[in-house]
Amino acid sequence: MPTLLFKLTNVPEDEAEEVRELLTEHGIDFYETEAGRWGISVAGIWVKDESQVATARELIDRYQHERGERVRAAYEAKRRAGEHETMASRFMHHPIRFILYLLGILVIFYFTVMPFLDWG
């Protein structure tokens, strides 16, 4: 019976590709499903053979641990060099988007709080 090994929801494409390569390199027989048009199905990587599930999970766990360390180290290096993304840098790169988001938040806040305020 097929077993869900790895959900692909909100997974970066490079990570999904590395997982596919890892499973292929180790001879794990798998297939992939998509979320579908409406996004209600499970997007994931499934292992066909139950005898390979434990090996595949171990490979994925090891890979995710290594990837986590690699990503944290890259972020830390950017932070030390002053190249990491901050709120100010986001504003400088996309000022109109930032202002529109801020206005949207303020409008939602206004309509949420307005019924509870007595203006006289």
PDB file of N, CA and C in Angstrom:
ATOM      1  N   MET A   1       0.845  -1.176   0.000  1.00  0.00           N
ATOM      2  CA  MET A   1       0.000   0.000   0.000  1.00  0.00           C
ATOM      3  C   MET A   1       0.894   1.244   0.000  1.00  0.00           C
ATOM      4  N   PRO A   2       0.629   2.212  -0.855  1.00  0.00           N
ATOM      5  CA  PRO A   2       1.443   3.430  -0.908  1.00  0.00           C
ATOM      6  C   PRO A   2       1.384   4.203   0.406  1.00  0.00           C
ATOM      7  N   THR A   3       2.503   4.802   0.764  1.00  0.00           N
ATOM      8  CA  THR A   3       2.614   5.552   2.007  1.00  0.00           C
ATOM      9  C   THR A   3       3.099   6.962   1.702  1.00  0.00           C
ATOM     10  N   LEU A   4       2.419   7.952   2.280  1.00  0.00           N
ATOM     11  CA  LEU A   4       2.833   9.340   2.106  1.00  0.00           C
ATOM     12  C   LEU A   4       4.149   9.551   2.838  1.00  0.00           C
ATOM     13  N   LEU A   5       5.150   9.979   2.112  1.00  0.00           N
ATOM     14  CA  LEU A   5       6.479  10.170   2.677  1.00  0.00           C
ATOM     15  C   LEU A   5       6.773  11.630   2.955  1.00  0.00           C
ATOM     16  N   PHE A   6       6.369  12.511   2.039  1.00  0.00           N
ATOM     17  CA  PHE A   6       6.806  13.898   2.109  1.00  0.00           C
ATOM     18  C   PHE A   6       5.732  14.791   1.498  1.00  0.00           C
ATOM     19  N   LYS A   7       5.125  15.658   2.313  1.00  0.00           N
ATOM     20  CA  LYS A   7       4.125  16.593   1.786  1.00  0.00           C
ATOM     21  C   LYS A   7       4.837  17.735   1.072  1.00  0.00           C
ATOM     22  N   LEU A   8       4.324  18.110  -0.081  1.00  0.00           N
ATOM     23  CA  LEU A   8       4.949  19.153  -0.895  1.00  0.00           C
ATOM     24  C   LEU A   8       4.280  20.518  -0.751  1.00  0.00           C
ATOM     25  N   THR A   9       3.327  20.638   0.157  1.00  0.00           N
ATOM     26  CA  THR A   9       2.655  21.906   0.373  1.00  0.00           C
ATOM     27  C   THR A   9       3.643  22.915   0.947  1.00  0.00           C
ATOM     28  N   ASN A  10       3.765  24.058   0.295  1.00  0.00           N
ATOM     29  CA  ASN A  10       4.658  25.155   0.711  1.00  0.00           C
ATOM     30  C   ASN A  10       6.130  24.765   0.761  1.00  0.00           C
ATOM     31  N   VAL A  11       6.521  23.772   0.001  1.00  0.00           N
ATOM     32  CA  VAL A  11       7.925  23.357  -0.067  1.00  0.00           C
ATOM     33  C   VAL A  11       8.574  24.067  -1.254  1.00  0.00           C
ATOM     34  N   PRO A  12       9.732  24.697  -1.042  1.00  0.00           N
ATOM     35  CA  PRO A  12      10.417  25.337  -2.175  1.00  0.00           C
ATOM     36  C   PRO A  12      10.767  24.312  -3.251  1.00  0.00           C
ATOM     37  N   GLU A  13      10.738  24.737  -4.501  1.00  0.00           N
ATOM     38  CA  GLU A  13      10.975  23.824  -5.620  1.00  0.00           C
ATOM     39  C   GLU A  13      12.356  23.188  -5.547  1.00  0.00           C
ATOM     40  N   ASP A  14      13.365  23.939  -5.097  1.00  0.00           N
ATOM     41  CA  ASP A  14      14.709  23.360  -5.019  1.00  0.00           C
ATOM     42  C   ASP A  14      14.773  22.239  -3.988  1.00  0.00           C
ATOM     43  N   GLU A  15      14.054  22.386  -2.882  1.00  0.00           N
ATOM     44  CA  GLU A  15      14.023  21.326  -1.875  1.00  0.00           C
ATOM     45  C   GLU A  15      13.299  20.093  -2.410  1.00  0.00           C
ATOM     46  N   ALA A  16      12.175  20.291  -3.079  1.00  0.00           N
ATOM     47  CA  ALA A  16      11.434  19.165  -3.654  1.00  0.00           C
ATOM     48  C   ALA A  16      12.292  18.428  -4.671  1.00  0.00           C
ATOM     49  N   GLU A  17      13.017  19.169  -5.497  1.00  0.00           N
ATOM     50  CA  GLU A  17      13.883  18.551  -6.508  1.00  0.00           C
ATOM     51  C   GLU A  17      15.012  17.759  -5.846  1.00  0.00           C
ATOM     52  N   GLU A  18      15.592  18.300  -4.785  1.00  0.00           N
ATOM     53  CA  GLU A  18      16.656  17.583  -4.077  1.00  0.00           C
ATOM     54  C   GLU A  18      16.130  16.299  -3.440  1.00  0.00           C
ATOM     55  N   VAL A  19      14.907  16.331  -2.926  1.00  0.00           N
ATOM     56  CA  VAL A  19      14.305  15.130  -2.339  1.00  0.00           C
ATOM     57  C   VAL A  19      14.076  14.083  -3.424  1.00  0.00           C
ATOM     58  N   ARG A  20      13.575  14.503  -4.574  1.00  0.00           N
ATOM     59  CA  ARG A  20      13.378  13.564  -5.688  1.00  0.00           C
ATOM     60  C   ARG A  20      14.701  12.919  -6.097  1.00  0.00           C
ATOM     61  N   GLU A  21      15.743  13.733  -6.229  1.00  0.00           N
ATOM     62  CA  GLU A  21      17.063  13.214  -6.604  1.00  0.00           C
ATOM     63  C   GLU A  21      17.586  12.237  -5.555  1.00  0.00           C
ATOM     64  N   LEU A  22      17.406  12.568  -4.279  1.00  0.00           N
ATOM     65  CA  LEU A  22      17.869  11.705  -3.193  1.00  0.00           C
ATOM     66  C   LEU A  22      17.191  10.338  -3.254  1.00  0.00           C
ATOM     67  N   LEU A  23      15.886  10.339  -3.439  1.00  0.00           N
ATOM     68  CA  LEU A  23      15.155   9.073  -3.506  1.00  0.00           C
ATOM     69  C   LEU A  23      15.550   8.267  -4.740  1.00  0.00           C
ATOM     70  N   THR A  24      15.737   8.938  -5.859  1.00  0.00           N
ATOM     71  CA  THR A  24      16.142   8.257  -7.090  1.00  0.00           C
ATOM     72  C   THR A  24      17.530   7.655  -6.942  1.00  0.00           C
ATOM     73  N   GLU A  25      18.462   8.405  -6.345  1.00  0.00           N
ATOM     74  CA  GLU A  25      19.833   7.912  -6.143  1.00  0.00           C
ATOM     75  C   GLU A  25      19.866   6.637  -5.309  1.00  0.00           C
ATOM     76  N   HIS A  26      18.957   6.542  -4.341  1.00  0.00           N
ATOM     77  CA  HIS A  26      18.954   5.385  -3.447  1.00  0.00           C
ATOM     78  C   HIS A  26      17.981   4.293  -3.887  1.00  0.00           C
ATOM     79  N   GLY A  27      17.435   4.423  -5.076  1.00  0.00           N
ATOM     80  CA  GLY A  27      16.595   3.370  -5.631  1.00  0.00           C
ATOM     81  C   GLY A  27      15.242   3.221  -4.967  1.00  0.00           C
ATOM     82  N   ILE A  28      14.736   4.282  -4.371  1.00  0.00           N
ATOM     83  CA  ILE A  28      13.416   4.245  -3.741  1.00  0.00           C
ATOM     84  C   ILE A  28      12.370   4.454  -4.837  1.00  0.00           C
ATOM     85  N   ASP A  29      11.408   3.531  -4.912  1.00  0.00           N
ATOM     86  CA  ASP A  29      10.351   3.605  -5.916  1.00  0.00           C
ATOM     87  C   ASP A  29       9.241   4.516  -5.381  1.00  0.00           C
ATOM     88  N   PHE A  30       9.054   5.677  -6.004  1.00  0.00           N
ATOM     89  CA  PHE A  30       8.085   6.655  -5.514  1.00  0.00           C
ATOM     90  C   PHE A  30       7.302   7.264  -6.670  1.00  0.00           C
ATOM     91  N   TYR A  31       6.222   7.925  -6.312  1.00  0.00           N
ATOM     92  CA  TYR A  31       5.484   8.734  -7.284  1.00  0.00           C
ATOM     93  C   TYR A  31       5.013   9.996  -6.577  1.00  0.00           C
ATOM     94  N   GLU A  32       4.555  10.949  -7.371  1.00  0.00           N
ATOM     95  CA  GLU A  32       4.215  12.262  -6.838  1.00  0.00           C
ATOM     96  C   GLU A  32       2.775  12.618  -7.187  1.00  0.00           C
ATOM     97  N   THR A  33       2.087  13.263  -6.240  1.00  0.00           N
ATOM     98  CA  THR A  33       0.740  13.762  -6.494  1.00  0.00           C
ATOM     99  C   THR A  33       0.738  15.279  -6.340  1.00  0.00           C
ATOM    100  N   GLU A  34      -0.218  15.917  -7.004  1.00  0.00           N
ATOM    101  CA  GLU A  34      -0.344  17.373  -6.938  1.00  0.00           C
ATOM    102  C   GLU A  34      -1.588  17.745  -6.145  1.00  0.00           C
ATOM    103  N   ALA A  35      -1.662  19.005  -5.733  1.00  0.00           N
ATOM    104  CA  ALA A  35      -2.807  19.478  -4.955  1.00  0.00           C
ATOM    105  C   ALA A  35      -4.062  19.601  -5.806  1.00  0.00           C
ATOM    106  N   GLY A  36      -3.902  19.599  -7.106  1.00  0.00           N
ATOM    107  CA  GLY A  36      -5.054  19.699  -7.989  1.00  0.00           C
ATOM    108  C   GLY A  36      -5.468  21.136  -8.241  1.00  0.00           C
ATOM    109  N   ARG A  37      -6.465  21.277  -9.066  1.00  0.00           N
ATOM    110  CA  ARG A  37      -6.926  22.606  -9.473  1.00  0.00           C
ATOM    111  C   ARG A  37      -7.424  23.436  -8.296  1.00  0.00           C
ATOM    112  N   TRP A  38      -8.130  22.826  -7.381  1.00  0.00           N
ATOM    113  CA  TRP A  38      -8.722  23.563  -6.263  1.00  0.00           C
ATOM    114  C   TRP A  38      -7.870  23.497  -5.005  1.00  0.00           C
ATOM    115  N   GLY A  39      -6.775  22.767  -5.041  1.00  0.00           N
ATOM    116  CA  GLY A  39      -5.872  22.698  -3.896  1.00  0.00           C
ATOM    117  C   GLY A  39      -6.394  21.881  -2.729  1.00  0.00           C
ATOM    118  N   ILE A  40      -7.308  20.945  -2.994  1.00  0.00           N
ATOM    119  CA  ILE A  40      -7.880  20.174  -1.895  1.00  0.00           C
ATOM    120  C   ILE A  40      -7.269  18.782  -1.767  1.00  0.00           C
ATOM    121  N   SER A  41      -6.487  18.366  -2.736  1.00  0.00           N
ATOM    122  CA  SER A  41      -5.818  17.069  -2.659  1.00  0.00           C
ATOM    123  C   SER A  41      -4.469  17.237  -1.964  1.00  0.00           C
ATOM    124  N   VAL A  42      -3.849  16.132  -1.636  1.00  0.00           N
ATOM    125  CA  VAL A  42      -2.550  16.164  -0.967  1.00  0.00           C
ATOM    126  C   VAL A  42      -1.447  16.168  -2.011  1.00  0.00           C
ATOM    127  N   ALA A  43      -0.675  17.247  -2.012  1.00  0.00           N
ATOM    128  CA  ALA A  43       0.509  17.295  -2.867  1.00  0.00           C
ATOM    129  C   ALA A  43       1.626  16.632  -2.080  1.00  0.00           C
ATOM    130  N   GLY A  44       2.172  15.562  -2.620  1.00  0.00           N
ATOM    131  CA  GLY A  44       3.194  14.862  -1.864  1.00  0.00           C
ATOM    132  C   GLY A  44       3.939  13.831  -2.670  1.00  0.00           C
ATOM    133  N   ILE A  45       4.943  13.278  -2.016  1.00  0.00           N
ATOM    134  CA  ILE A  45       5.725  12.184  -2.583  1.00  0.00           C
ATOM    135  C   ILE A  45       5.334  10.929  -1.815  1.00  0.00           C
ATOM    136  N   TRP A  46       4.965   9.906  -2.547  1.00  0.00           N
ATOM    137  CA  TRP A  46       4.482   8.657  -1.978  1.00  0.00           C
ATOM    138  C   TRP A  46       5.448   7.535  -2.329  1.00  0.00           C
ATOM    139  N   VAL A  47       5.667   6.640  -1.373  1.00  0.00           N
ATOM    140  CA  VAL A  47       6.505   5.461  -1.607  1.00  0.00           C
ATOM    141  C   VAL A  47       5.578   4.294  -1.907  1.00  0.00           C
ATOM    142  N   LYS A  48       5.862   3.596  -2.998  1.00  0.00           N
ATOM    143  CA  LYS A  48       5.008   2.486  -3.424  1.00  0.00           C
ATOM    144  C   LYS A  48       5.196   1.240  -2.563  1.00  0.00           C
ATOM    145  N   ASP A  49       6.444   0.924  -2.233  1.00  0.00           N
ATOM    146  CA  ASP A  49       6.778  -0.314  -1.533  1.00  0.00           C
ATOM    147  C   ASP A  49       6.945  -0.037  -0.038  1.00  0.00           C
ATOM    148  N   GLU A  50       6.119  -0.700   0.784  1.00  0.00           N
ATOM    149  CA  GLU A  50       6.171  -0.475   2.234  1.00  0.00           C
ATOM    150  C   GLU A  50       7.517  -0.854   2.841  1.00  0.00           C
ATOM    151  N   SER A  51       8.231  -1.773   2.217  1.00  0.00           N
ATOM    152  CA  SER A  51       9.527  -2.185   2.765  1.00  0.00           C
ATOM    153  C   SER A  51      10.583  -1.085   2.602  1.00  0.00           C
ATOM    154  N   GLN A  52      10.320  -0.110   1.743  1.00  0.00           N
ATOM    155  CA  GLN A  52      11.268   0.984   1.529  1.00  0.00           C
ATOM    156  C   GLN A  52      10.937   2.233   2.346  1.00  0.00           C
ATOM    157  N   VAL A  53       9.822   2.217   3.049  1.00  0.00           N
ATOM    158  CA  VAL A  53       9.372   3.408   3.771  1.00  0.00           C
ATOM    159  C   VAL A  53      10.359   3.816   4.856  1.00  0.00           C
ATOM    160  N   ALA A  54      10.824   2.877   5.671  1.00  0.00           N
ATOM    161  CA  ALA A  54      11.739   3.209   6.766  1.00  0.00           C
ATOM    162  C   ALA A  54      13.038   3.808   6.232  1.00  0.00           C
ATOM    163  N   THR A  55      13.579   3.212   5.185  1.00  0.00           N
ATOM    164  CA  THR A  55      14.809   3.731   4.578  1.00  0.00           C
ATOM    165  C   THR A  55      14.577   5.124   4.019  1.00  0.00           C
ATOM    166  N   ALA A  56      13.458   5.312   3.339  1.00  0.00           N
ATOM    167  CA  ALA A  56      13.151   6.609   2.740  1.00  0.00           C
ATOM    168  C   ALA A  56      12.969   7.681   3.809  1.00  0.00           C
ATOM    169  N   ARG A  57      12.271   7.345   4.891  1.00  0.00           N
ATOM    170  CA  ARG A  57      12.079   8.317   5.980  1.00  0.00           C
ATOM    171  C   ARG A  57      13.418   8.700   6.602  1.00  0.00           C
ATOM    172  N   GLU A  58      14.290   7.731   6.783  1.00  0.00           N
ATOM    173  CA  GLU A  58      15.615   8.009   7.338  1.00  0.00           C
ATOM    174  C   GLU A  58      16.401   8.942   6.414  1.00  0.00           C
ATOM    175  N   LEU A  59      16.342   8.693   5.115  1.00  0.00           N
ATOM    176  CA  LEU A  59      17.023   9.556   4.145  1.00  0.00           C
ATOM    177  C   LEU A  59      16.468  10.980   4.193  1.00  0.00           C
ATOM    178  N   ILE A  60      15.150  11.101   4.229  1.00  0.00           N
ATOM    179  CA  ILE A  60      14.508  12.419   4.262  1.00  0.00           C
ATOM    180  C   ILE A  60      14.854  13.149   5.556  1.00  0.00           C
ATOM    181  N   ASP A  61      14.796  12.444   6.688  1.00  0.00           N
ATOM    182  CA  ASP A  61      15.130  13.077   7.970  1.00  0.00           C
ATOM    183  C   ASP A  61      16.561  13.597   7.973  1.00  0.00           C
ATOM    184  N   ARG A  62      17.484  12.785   7.490  1.00  0.00           N
ATOM    185  CA  ARG A  62      18.889  13.196   7.434  1.00  0.00           C
ATOM    186  C   ARG A  62      19.055  14.398   6.503  1.00  0.00           C
ATOM    187  N   TYR A  63      18.391  14.338   5.343  1.00  0.00           N
ATOM    188  CA  TYR A  63      18.472  15.436   4.378  1.00  0.00           C
ATOM    189  C   TYR A  63      17.930  16.733   4.983  1.00  0.00           C
ATOM    190  N   GLN A  64      16.776  16.670   5.639  1.00  0.00           N
ATOM    191  CA  GLN A  64      16.177  17.879   6.200  1.00  0.00           C
ATOM    192  C   GLN A  64      17.044  18.469   7.307  1.00  0.00           C
ATOM    193  N   HIS A  65      17.667  17.606   8.091  1.00  0.00           N
ATOM    194  CA  HIS A  65      18.573  18.092   9.136  1.00  0.00           C
ATOM    195  C   HIS A  65      19.751  18.833   8.506  1.00  0.00           C
ATOM    196  N   GLU A  66      20.351  18.231   7.485  1.00  0.00           N
ATOM    197  CA  GLU A  66      21.485  18.860   6.800  1.00  0.00           C
ATOM    198  C   GLU A  66      21.063  20.155   6.113  1.00  0.00           C
ATOM    199  N   ARG A  67      19.907  20.151   5.480  1.00  0.00           N
ATOM    200  CA  ARG A  67      19.419  21.359   4.801  1.00  0.00           C
ATOM    201  C   ARG A  67      19.149  22.468   5.812  1.00  0.00           C
ATOM    202  N   GLY A  68      18.561  22.126   6.932  1.00  0.00           N
ATOM    203  CA  GLY A  68      18.301  23.120   7.972  1.00  0.00           C
ATOM    204  C   GLY A  68      19.580  23.780   8.451  1.00  0.00           C
ATOM    205  N   GLU A  69      20.606  22.967   8.688  1.00  0.00           N
ATOM    206  CA  GLU A  69      21.893  23.525   9.116  1.00  0.00           C
ATOM    207  C   GLU A  69      22.487  24.415   8.031  1.00  0.00           C
ATOM    208  N   ARG A  70      22.383  23.977   6.784  1.00  0.00           N
ATOM    209  CA  ARG A  70      22.938  24.744   5.661  1.00  0.00           C
ATOM    210  C   ARG A  70      22.222  26.090   5.502  1.00  0.00           C
ATOM    211  N   VAL A  71      20.904  26.085   5.602  1.00  0.00           N
ATOM    212  CA  VAL A  71      20.125  27.315   5.446  1.00  0.00           C
ATOM    213  C   VAL A  71      20.379  28.268   6.610  1.00  0.00           C
ATOM    214  N   ARG A  72      20.438  27.725   7.832  1.00  0.00           N
ATOM    215  CA  ARG A  72      20.729  28.578   8.989  1.00  0.00           C
ATOM    216  C   ARG A  72      22.110  29.204   8.881  1.00  0.00           C
ATOM    217  N   ALA A  73      23.086  28.423   8.423  1.00  0.00           N
ATOM    218  CA  ALA A  73      24.446  28.947   8.265  1.00  0.00           C
ATOM    219  C   ALA A  73      24.481  30.041   7.197  1.00  0.00           C
ATOM    220  N   ALA A  74      23.755  29.846   6.108  1.00  0.00           N
ATOM    221  CA  ALA A  74      23.715  30.860   5.046  1.00  0.00           C
ATOM    222  C   ALA A  74      23.052  32.141   5.551  1.00  0.00           C
ATOM    223  N   TYR A  75      21.977  32.003   6.318  1.00  0.00           N
ATOM    224  CA  TYR A  75      21.309  33.179   6.871  1.00  0.00           C
ATOM    225  C   TYR A  75      22.224  33.910   7.842  1.00  0.00           C
ATOM    226  N   GLU A  76      22.894  33.149   8.688  1.00  0.00           N
ATOM    227  CA  GLU A  76      23.803  33.756   9.668  1.00  0.00           C
ATOM    228  C   GLU A  76      24.935  34.498   8.966  1.00  0.00           C
ATOM    229  N   ALA A  77      25.457  33.933   7.887  1.00  0.00           N
ATOM    230  CA  ALA A  77      26.521  34.602   7.128  1.00  0.00           C
ATOM    231  C   ALA A  77      26.001  35.901   6.513  1.00  0.00           C
ATOM    232  N   LYS A  78      24.785  35.879   5.966  1.00  0.00           N
ATOM    233  CA  LYS A  78      24.195  37.100   5.409  1.00  0.00           C
ATOM    234  C   LYS A  78      23.953  38.137   6.504  1.00  0.00           C
ATOM    235  N   ARG A  79      23.502  37.668   7.664  1.00  0.00           N
ATOM    236  CA  ARG A  79      23.233  38.587   8.769  1.00  0.00           C
ATOM    237  C   ARG A  79      24.517  39.265   9.229  1.00  0.00           C
ATOM    238  N   ARG A  80      25.589  38.486   9.356  1.00  0.00           N
ATOM    239  CA  ARG A  80      26.876  39.059   9.766  1.00  0.00           C
ATOM    240  C   ARG A  80      27.397  40.066   8.744  1.00  0.00           C
ATOM    241  N   ALA A  81      27.138  39.788   7.467  1.00  0.00           N
ATOM    242  CA  ALA A  81      27.605  40.684   6.404  1.00  0.00           C
ATOM    243  C   ALA A  81      26.660  41.871   6.205  1.00  0.00           C
ATOM    244  N   GLY A  82      25.526  41.866   6.911  1.00  0.00           N
ATOM    245  CA  GLY A  82      24.563  42.957   6.783  1.00  0.00           C
ATOM    246  C   GLY A  82      23.737  42.884   5.516  1.00  0.00           C
ATOM    247  N   GLU A  83      23.630  41.701   4.927  1.00  0.00           N
ATOM    248  CA  GLU A  83      22.905  41.531   3.668  1.00  0.00           C
ATOM    249  C   GLU A  83      21.546  40.861   3.845  1.00  0.00           C
ATOM    250  N   HIS A  84      21.170  40.534   5.088  1.00  0.00           N
ATOM    251  CA  HIS A  84      19.890  39.854   5.291  1.00  0.00           C
ATOM    252  C   HIS A  84      18.736  40.836   5.096  1.00  0.00           C
ATOM    253  N   GLU A  85      17.565  40.285   4.822  1.00  0.00           N
ATOM    254  CA  GLU A  85      16.402  41.117   4.530  1.00  0.00           C
ATOM    255  C   GLU A  85      15.769  41.604   5.828  1.00  0.00           C
ATOM    256  N   THR A  86      15.531  42.889   5.905  1.00  0.00           N
ATOM    257  CA  THR A  86      14.879  43.496   7.062  1.00  0.00           C
ATOM    258  C   THR A  86      13.604  44.192   6.593  1.00  0.00           C
ATOM    259  N   MET A  87      12.826  44.684   7.540  1.00  0.00           N
ATOM    260  CA  MET A  87      11.609  45.418   7.195  1.00  0.00           C
ATOM    261  C   MET A  87      11.963  46.658   6.372  1.00  0.00           C
ATOM    262  N   ALA A  88      13.025  47.336   6.753  1.00  0.00           N
ATOM    263  CA  ALA A  88      13.438  48.543   6.022  1.00  0.00           C
ATOM    264  C   ALA A  88      13.876  48.204   4.594  1.00  0.00           C
ATOM    265  N   SER A  89      14.601  47.109   4.416  1.00  0.00           N
ATOM    266  CA  SER A  89      15.045  46.746   3.066  1.00  0.00           C
ATOM    267  C   SER A  89      13.861  46.329   2.191  1.00  0.00           C
ATOM    268  N   ARG A  90      12.875  45.685   2.782  1.00  0.00           N
ATOM    269  CA  ARG A  90      11.671  45.338   2.022  1.00  0.00           C
ATOM    270  C   ARG A  90      10.940  46.597   1.578  1.00  0.00           C
ATOM    271  N   PHE A  91      10.859  47.576   2.492  1.00  0.00           N
ATOM    272  CA  PHE A  91      10.215  48.842   2.142  1.00  0.00           C
ATOM    273  C   PHE A  91      10.964  49.541   1.014  1.00  0.00           C
ATOM    274  N   MET A  92      12.279  49.523   1.065  1.00  0.00           N
ATOM    275  CA  MET A  92      13.082  50.189   0.036  1.00  0.00           C
ATOM    276  C   MET A  92      12.941  49.494  -1.323  1.00  0.00           C
ATOM    277  N   HIS A  93      12.797  48.177  -1.331  1.00  0.00           N
ATOM    278  CA  HIS A  93      12.687  47.436  -2.590  1.00  0.00           C
ATOM    279  C   HIS A  93      11.292  47.550  -3.208  1.00  0.00           C
ATOM    280  N   HIS A  94      10.271  47.572  -2.352  1.00  0.00           N
ATOM    281  CA  HIS A  94       8.882  47.593  -2.835  1.00  0.00           C
ATOM    282  C   HIS A  94       8.058  48.587  -2.010  1.00  0.00           C
ATOM    283  N   PRO A  95       8.297  49.882  -2.143  1.00  0.00           N
ATOM    284  CA  PRO A  95       7.593  50.854  -1.289  1.00  0.00           C
ATOM    285  C   PRO A  95       6.084  50.902  -1.536  1.00  0.00           C
ATOM    286  N   ILE A  96       5.658  50.792  -2.779  1.00  0.00           N
ATOM    287  CA  ILE A  96       4.223  50.875  -3.067  1.00  0.00           C
ATOM    288  C   ILE A  96       3.493  49.674  -2.480  1.00  0.00           C
ATOM    289  N   ARG A  97       4.061  48.483  -2.660  1.00  0.00           N
ATOM    290  CA  ARG A  97       3.445  47.277  -2.100  1.00  0.00           C
ATOM    291  C   ARG A  97       3.366  47.387  -0.576  1.00  0.00           C
ATOM    292  N   PHE A  98       4.438  47.858   0.035  1.00  0.00           N
ATOM    293  CA  PHE A  98       4.484  48.002   1.485  1.00  0.00           C
ATOM    294  C   PHE A  98       3.386  48.951   1.964  1.00  0.00           C
ATOM    295  N   ILE A  99       3.238  50.094   1.298  1.00  0.00           N
ATOM    296  CA  ILE A  99       2.227  51.079   1.687  1.00  0.00           C
ATOM    297  C   ILE A  99       0.820  50.518   1.479  1.00  0.00           C
ATOM    298  N   LEU A 100       0.596  49.806   0.383  1.00  0.00           N
ATOM    299  CA  LEU A 100      -0.721  49.209   0.141  1.00  0.00           C
ATOM    300  C   LEU A 100      -1.067  48.166   1.201  1.00  0.00           C
ATOM    301  N   TYR A 101      -0.102  47.334   1.576  1.00  0.00           N
ATOM    302  CA  TYR A 101      -0.345  46.356   2.640  1.00  0.00           C
ATOM    303  C   TYR A 101      -0.675  47.066   3.954  1.00  0.00           C
ATOM    304  N   LEU A 102       0.078  48.108   4.262  1.00  0.00           N
ATOM    305  CA  LEU A 102      -0.155  48.855   5.491  1.00  0.00           C
ATOM    306  C   LEU A 102      -1.544  49.488   5.480  1.00  0.00           C
ATOM    307  N   LEU A 103      -1.943  50.080   4.356  1.00  0.00           N
ATOM    308  CA  LEU A 103      -3.285  50.660   4.246  1.00  0.00           C
ATOM    309  C   LEU A 103      -4.363  49.587   4.396  1.00  0.00           C
ATOM    310  N   GLY A 104      -4.147  48.429   3.794  1.00  0.00           N
ATOM    311  CA  GLY A 104      -5.095  47.329   3.933  1.00  0.00           C
ATOM    312  C   GLY A 104      -5.254  46.896   5.380  1.00  0.00           C
ATOM    313  N   ILE A 105      -4.150  46.807   6.083  1.00  0.00           N
ATOM    314  CA  ILE A 105      -4.195  46.432   7.504  1.00  0.00           C
ATOM    315  C   ILE A 105      -4.966  47.477   8.298  1.00  0.00           C
ATOM    316  N   LEU A 106      -4.707  48.749   8.032  1.00  0.00           N
ATOM    317  CA  LEU A 106      -5.396  49.820   8.752  1.00  0.00           C
ATOM    318  C   LEU A 106      -6.894  49.828   8.454  1.00  0.00           C
ATOM    319  N   VAL A 107      -7.290  49.577   7.214  1.00  0.00           N
ATOM    320  CA  VAL A 107      -8.716  49.527   6.858  1.00  0.00           C
ATOM    321  C   VAL A 107      -9.397  48.370   7.583  1.00  0.00           C
ATOM    322  N   ILE A 108      -8.773  47.210   7.582  1.00  0.00           N
ATOM    323  CA  ILE A 108      -9.348  46.054   8.286  1.00  0.00           C
ATOM    324  C   ILE A 108      -9.457  46.348   9.777  1.00  0.00           C
ATOM    325  N   PHE A 109      -8.420  46.935  10.343  1.00  0.00           N
ATOM    326  CA  PHE A 109      -8.432  47.291  11.765  1.00  0.00           C
ATOM    327  C   PHE A 109      -9.569  48.279  12.051  1.00  0.00           C
ATOM    328  N   TYR A 110      -9.732  49.276  11.202  1.00  0.00           N
ATOM    329  CA  TYR A 110     -10.785  50.280  11.384  1.00  0.00           C
ATOM    330  C   TYR A 110     -12.165  49.624  11.396  1.00  0.00           C
ATOM    331  N   PHE A 111     -12.452  48.787  10.397  1.00  0.00           N
ATOM    332  CA  PHE A 111     -13.773  48.166  10.324  1.00  0.00           C
ATOM    333  C   PHE A 111     -13.984  47.116  11.417  1.00  0.00           C
ATOM    334  N   THR A 112     -12.918  46.599  11.965  1.00  0.00           N
ATOM    335  CA  THR A 112     -13.039  45.643  13.061  1.00  0.00           C
ATOM    336  C   THR A 112     -13.352  46.348  14.377  1.00  0.00           C
ATOM    337  N   VAL A 113     -12.729  47.489  14.614  1.00  0.00           N
ATOM    338  CA  VAL A 113     -12.858  48.192  15.889  1.00  0.00           C
ATOM    339  C   VAL A 113     -14.013  49.196  15.878  1.00  0.00           C
ATOM    340  N   MET A 114     -14.354  49.747  14.731  1.00  0.00           N
ATOM    341  CA  MET A 114     -15.359  50.804  14.618  1.00  0.00           C
ATOM    342  C   MET A 114     -16.692  50.471  15.302  1.00  0.00           C
ATOM    343  N   PRO A 115     -17.250  49.272  15.179  1.00  0.00           N
ATOM    344  CA  PRO A 115     -18.546  49.006  15.824  1.00  0.00           C
ATOM    345  C   PRO A 115     -18.505  49.099  17.349  1.00  0.00           C
ATOM    346  N   PHE A 116     -17.336  48.992  17.939  1.00  0.00           N
ATOM    347  CA  PHE A 116     -17.237  49.006  19.393  1.00  0.00           C
ATOM    348  C   PHE A 116     -16.940  50.393  19.953  1.00  0.00           C
ATOM    349  N   LEU A 117     -16.706  51.355  19.086  1.00  0.00           N
ATOM    350  CA  LEU A 117     -16.410  52.713  19.525  1.00  0.00           C
ATOM    351  C   LEU A 117     -17.662  53.573  19.405  1.00  0.00           C
ATOM    352  N   ASP A 118     -17.897  54.381  20.415  1.00  0.00           N
ATOM    353  CA  ASP A 118     -19.053  55.280  20.402  1.00  0.00           C
ATOM    354  C   ASP A 118     -18.548  56.685  20.106  1.00  0.00           C
ATOM    355  N   TRP A 119     -18.837  57.156  18.902  1.00  0.00           N
ATOM    356  CA  TRP A 119     -18.352  58.475  18.491  1.00  0.00           C
ATOM    357  C   TRP A 119     -19.322  59.585  18.898  1.00  0.00           C
ATOM    358  N   GLY A 120     -20.384  59.244  19.564  1.00  0.00           N
ATOM    359  CA  GLY A 120     -21.270  60.281  20.077  1.00  0.00           C
ATOM    360  C   GLY A 120     -22.479  60.405  19.336  1.00  0.00           C
TER     361      GLY A 120
END
